[in-house]
Protein backbone atom coordinates (compact mmCIF):
# COMPACT_ATOMS: atom_id res chain seq x y z
CA MET A 1 0.13 -0.15 0.12
CA SER A 2 1.16 3.53 -1.00
CA THR A 3 2.66 5.17 1.51
CA ALA A 4 2.51 8.59 0.08
CA LEU A 5 -0.97 7.86 -0.78
CA VAL A 6 -1.83 7.08 3.14
CA ARG A 7 0.23 10.35 4.12
CA ASP A 8 -1.91 12.24 1.83
CA LEU A 9 -5.41 11.12 3.18
CA ARG A 10 -4.41 12.00 6.48
CA GLN A 11 -4.36 15.64 5.45
CA PHE A 12 -8.15 15.04 5.02
CA GLY A 13 -8.42 14.52 8.57
CA LEU A 14 -8.39 10.63 8.60
CA SER A 15 -6.53 8.10 11.17
CA GLU A 16 -3.49 6.17 9.41
CA TRP A 17 -6.50 3.28 9.61
CA GLU A 18 -9.01 4.97 8.25
CA ALA A 19 -6.88 5.94 5.05
CA ARG A 20 -5.32 2.56 4.70
CA SER A 21 -9.26 1.14 5.00
CA TYR A 22 -10.56 4.03 2.46
CA ILE A 23 -7.68 2.76 0.28
CA ALA A 24 -8.37 -0.67 0.27
CA LEU A 25 -12.03 -0.05 -0.17
CA ALA A 26 -11.73 1.92 -3.01
CA THR A 27 -8.91 -0.21 -4.94
CA LYS A 28 -10.40 -3.43 -3.73
CA GLY A 29 -14.11 -2.93 -4.36
CA SER A 30 -16.52 -4.09 -1.65
CA LEU A 31 -14.64 -6.35 0.91
CA THR A 32 -15.75 -8.17 4.58
CA ALA A 33 -14.53 -6.85 7.86
CA SER A 34 -12.35 -10.05 8.02
CA ALA A 35 -10.78 -9.42 4.27
CA LEU A 36 -10.24 -5.61 4.71
CA SER A 37 -8.53 -6.36 7.91
CA SER A 38 -6.18 -9.15 6.27
CA ILE A 39 -5.21 -6.53 3.61
CA SER A 40 -5.10 -3.02 5.55
CA LYS A 41 -2.94 -4.91 7.83
CA ILE A 42 -5.54 -3.41 10.85
CA PRO A 43 -6.14 -5.58 14.26
CA THR A 44 -9.75 -7.59 13.46
CA SER A 45 -10.65 -5.95 16.96
CA LYS A 46 -10.53 -2.48 15.55
CA VAL A 47 -11.59 -2.94 11.98
CA TYR A 48 -15.19 -2.32 12.95
CA GLU A 49 -14.24 0.74 14.52
CA VAL A 50 -12.38 2.17 11.64
CA LEU A 51 -15.24 1.02 9.60
CA ARG A 52 -18.15 3.20 11.55
CA ASN A 53 -15.74 5.79 11.37
CA LEU A 54 -15.23 6.34 7.41
CA GLN A 55 -19.30 5.54 7.50
CA ARG A 56 -19.63 8.73 9.76
CA LYS A 57 -17.13 10.77 7.64
CA SER A 58 -19.73 9.37 4.38
CA LEU A 59 -16.46 7.46 3.07
CA ALA A 60 -17.89 4.17 3.44
CA ALA A 61 -21.13 2.34 3.29
CA LEU A 62 -22.42 -1.01 4.63
CA ARG A 63 -23.97 -3.31 1.84
CA ALA A 64 -27.13 -5.41 2.99
CA SER A 65 -25.81 -8.86 1.91
CA ARG A 66 -24.52 -11.97 3.93
CA PRO A 67 -21.64 -11.76 4.72
CA PHE A 68 -21.69 -8.11 5.37
CA ARG A 69 -19.21 -6.19 3.19
CA TRP A 70 -18.26 -2.46 2.96
CA CYS A 71 -17.35 -0.55 0.02
CA ALA A 72 -16.34 3.12 -0.47
CA ILE A 73 -18.18 6.21 -1.67
CA GLU A 74 -16.93 7.03 -4.81
CA PRO A 75 -13.44 8.95 -4.28
CA ALA A 76 -14.60 12.53 -5.89
CA THR A 77 -17.64 12.28 -4.16
CA ALA A 78 -15.93 11.43 -0.88
CA LEU A 79 -13.01 13.99 -0.58
CA LYS A 80 -15.65 16.78 -2.35
CA SER A 81 -17.63 16.18 0.77
CA ILE A 82 -14.97 16.35 2.99
CA ILE A 83 -13.58 19.79 1.45
CA GLU A 84 -17.45 20.89 1.98
CA ALA A 85 -17.34 20.54 5.54
CA ARG A 86 -13.91 21.74 5.92
CA GLN A 87 -15.37 24.75 4.09
CA THR A 88 -18.52 25.10 6.32
CA ALA A 89 -16.21 25.01 9.34
CA VAL A 90 -14.07 27.64 8.56
CA ALA A 91 -17.00 29.76 7.82
CA ALA A 92 -18.47 29.27 10.88
CA LEU A 93 -15.17 30.03 12.34
CA GLU A 94 -14.89 33.12 10.53
CA ALA A 95 -18.56 34.17 11.39
CA LYS A 96 -17.60 33.82 14.80
CA THR A 97 -14.20 36.05 14.76
CA ALA A 98 -16.27 39.11 14.90
CA GLU A 99 -18.16 38.39 17.84
CA LEU A 100 -15.41 37.20 19.55
CA LEU A 101 -13.12 39.96 18.71
CA SER A 102 -16.05 42.42 20.04
CA ARG A 103 -15.96 40.54 23.53
CA LEU A 104 -12.43 40.16 23.95
CA ARG A 105 -11.27 43.30 23.04
CA PRO A 106 -12.40 45.31 25.97
CA ALA A 107 -10.57 43.36 28.12
CA LEU A 108 -7.21 43.53 26.20
CA THR A 109 -7.45 47.15 25.82
CA LYS A 110 -7.18 47.75 29.67
CA GLU A 111 -3.94 46.44 29.92
CA GLY A 112 -1.82 49.12 31.32
CA SER A 113 2.15 49.01 30.22
CA GLU A 114 3.56 45.34 29.63
CA ILE A 115 6.35 43.38 28.46
CA TRP A 116 6.14 39.35 27.67
CA MET A 117 8.08 36.73 25.99
CA ALA A 118 7.13 34.20 23.05
CA THR A 119 8.81 31.68 21.28
CA GLY A 120 8.69 30.89 17.28
CA ARG A 121 9.76 33.03 14.38
CA ARG A 122 6.14 32.08 13.01
CA ALA A 123 4.52 33.90 15.84
CA PHE A 124 6.95 37.06 15.53
CA LEU A 125 5.84 37.12 12.09
CA ASP A 126 2.15 36.74 13.34
CA LYS A 127 2.60 39.62 15.68
CA ALA A 128 4.09 41.74 13.53
CA ALA A 129 1.27 41.69 11.16
CA GLU A 130 -1.20 42.39 14.08
CA MET A 131 0.91 45.57 15.04
CA PHE A 132 0.95 46.69 11.46
CA GLY A 133 -2.94 46.47 11.71
CA ARG A 134 -2.93 48.67 14.57
CA ALA A 135 -0.34 51.21 13.27
CA THR A 136 -2.24 54.98 12.47
CA SER A 137 1.12 56.75 11.48
CA ASP A 138 4.31 55.45 11.39
CA ILE A 139 5.64 51.77 10.72
CA CYS A 140 9.48 51.21 11.68
CA ILE A 141 11.23 47.73 10.30
CA VAL A 142 14.33 46.13 11.22
CA THR A 143 14.88 43.32 8.67
CA ALA A 144 17.63 40.86 7.64
CA ARG A 145 15.57 38.44 4.94
CA PHE A 146 12.45 41.20 4.01
CA THR A 147 10.34 38.05 5.11
CA ARG A 148 6.99 38.17 3.97
CA THR A 149 3.47 36.14 4.50
CA ALA A 150 0.25 36.59 3.42
CA ALA A 151 -0.65 38.55 6.53
CA ILE A 152 2.49 40.61 6.71
CA ASP A 153 1.72 41.60 3.30
CA ALA A 154 -2.36 42.44 3.55
CA SER A 155 -1.48 44.21 6.77
CA LEU A 156 1.53 46.20 5.65
CA LYS A 157 -0.28 47.00 2.00
CA ALA A 158 -3.59 48.13 3.90
CA ALA A 159 -1.16 50.74 6.22
CA ALA A 160 0.53 51.92 3.28
CA ASP A 161 -2.96 52.50 1.30
CA HIS A 162 -4.16 54.55 4.68
CA GLY A 163 -1.15 56.88 4.66
CA VAL A 164 1.27 55.14 7.44
CA LYS A 165 4.66 55.97 6.74
CA ILE A 166 6.79 52.74 6.45
CA ARG A 167 10.58 52.73 6.74
CA VAL A 168 11.97 49.54 6.51
CA VAL A 169 16.08 49.25 7.15
CA GLY A 170 18.25 46.17 5.74
CA THR A 171 21.04 44.39 7.70
CA ALA A 172 22.18 41.96 5.38
CA ARG A 173 23.17 41.39 1.67
CA LEU A 174 20.53 40.54 -0.45
CA ASP A 175 20.59 37.26 -2.73
CA LYS A 176 18.34 37.14 -5.28
CA ASP A 177 15.07 35.48 -3.46
CA SER A 178 15.72 38.42 -0.71
CA ARG A 179 16.00 41.17 -2.79
CA SER A 180 12.81 40.00 -4.73
CA ARG A 181 11.44 40.15 -1.41
CA ALA A 182 13.18 43.85 -0.72
CA ALA A 183 11.72 44.71 -4.33
CA TRP A 184 8.02 43.99 -3.04
CA TYR A 185 8.75 46.08 0.35
CA MET A 186 9.99 49.10 -1.75
CA ARG A 187 6.63 49.50 -3.69
CA ASN A 188 4.83 50.38 -0.11
CA ALA A 189 7.70 51.54 2.15
CA ASP A 190 11.13 53.71 2.26
CA VAL A 191 13.98 51.10 1.80
CA ARG A 192 17.36 51.67 3.51
CA MET A 193 20.28 49.20 3.60
CA LEU A 194 22.86 49.26 6.79
CA PHE A 195 25.12 46.06 6.67
CA MET A 196 25.38 44.48 10.39
CA GLU A 197 27.60 41.63 11.34
CA VAL A 198 25.03 41.02 14.05
CA HIS A 199 21.22 41.10 12.45
CA PRO A 200 19.08 42.24 14.63
CA VAL A 201 14.96 42.17 13.69
CA MET A 202 12.14 44.36 14.91
CA VAL A 203 9.49 46.30 14.94
CA LEU A 204 8.03 49.94 16.36
CA ILE A 205 4.46 50.72 15.54
CA ASP A 206 3.49 54.48 15.94
CA GLY A 207 6.37 55.49 18.58
CA ARG A 208 4.43 53.24 21.52
CA GLU A 209 5.32 49.54 21.00
CA THR A 210 8.14 47.29 19.69
CA ALA A 211 8.80 43.62 18.82
CA ILE A 212 12.27 42.40 19.35
CA ARG A 213 13.20 39.07 17.66
CA ILE A 214 16.01 36.85 19.46
CA ASP A 215 17.84 34.47 17.44
CA SER A 216 19.32 31.77 19.42
CA GLY A 217 20.30 28.96 16.85
CA GLU A 218 17.23 27.30 15.42
CA GLU A 219 15.29 28.93 17.97
CA SER A 220 13.35 32.35 17.90
CA ASP A 221 12.05 34.00 20.93
CA TYR A 222 10.51 37.92 20.76
CA ILE A 223 10.24 40.07 23.52
CA TRP A 224 6.70 42.67 23.09
CA SER A 225 7.05 45.55 25.13
CA ASN A 226 4.53 49.12 25.21
CA ARG A 227 6.85 50.42 27.93
CA PRO A 228 7.80 53.91 26.94
CA ALA A 229 11.38 53.11 28.48
CA LEU A 230 11.91 50.47 26.28
CA VAL A 231 10.16 51.58 23.28
CA MET A 232 12.02 54.95 23.46
CA ILE A 233 15.11 52.64 23.60
CA MET A 234 14.23 51.26 20.04
CA GLU A 235 13.13 53.88 18.28
CA SER A 236 16.54 55.63 19.36
CA PHE A 237 17.85 52.61 17.33
CA PHE A 238 16.28 52.56 14.39
CA GLU A 239 16.68 56.20 14.33
CA ASN A 240 20.18 56.08 14.25
CA SER A 241 20.44 53.01 12.01
CA TRP A 242 18.16 54.98 9.33
CA SER A 243 20.10 58.12 9.60
CA ARG A 244 23.35 56.09 8.72
CA ALA A 245 21.64 53.45 6.05
CA LYS A 246 21.59 54.18 2.55
CA PRO A 247 19.07 54.10 -0.07
CA LEU A 248 18.10 50.37 -1.77
CA ARG A 249 18.80 50.67 -5.42
């Protein structure tokens, strides 16, 4: 049985055993539970549970015969059904988002000056995109790779369209990929280069909040704060770097 096919089916939300069972039914035709157990290498004690799960997911049906036989729902129909179910779930989450934001935001905005830490490069990028979405006047960025994500692209473009001043300092020499990403930034921001041996990564929004990424080998942590003293230090660092940097050509 193809491990790649099993892996691909698992991306549709099937377990290992469910994927193997569905492949067996789809490729071999209708099978008794015992035959399916033998083909898919699933313990006999578990095969009925797996079949019931496939039936609940509209992936298998029980044929009224003696002995009972199971058959796969036609793959195009079955996979489309899974996709539609997930789209419905996503739509429900999107509809719930506005309500949750309205209920959660008051509690968040009551907080005073804070400083906290989180882990992960993706977490930092998501936080940066969130901050860009709050900007009303200025966005300052220090970056080595000119990283882009869908969320960052959308929030920076929206900020630029609303007249927010965006300045970016790049700190590393550009290869083909990073130059291409930098070109996108240049369409929405003023970009300068200041080569550094160490490559800090930070964002600063409206002179009131900052996030600083701290890399250590493969791991990354970041600090976010709206404490005036720390924001002022990072603002001073950025303005000093900006004054020494040269426009990217």
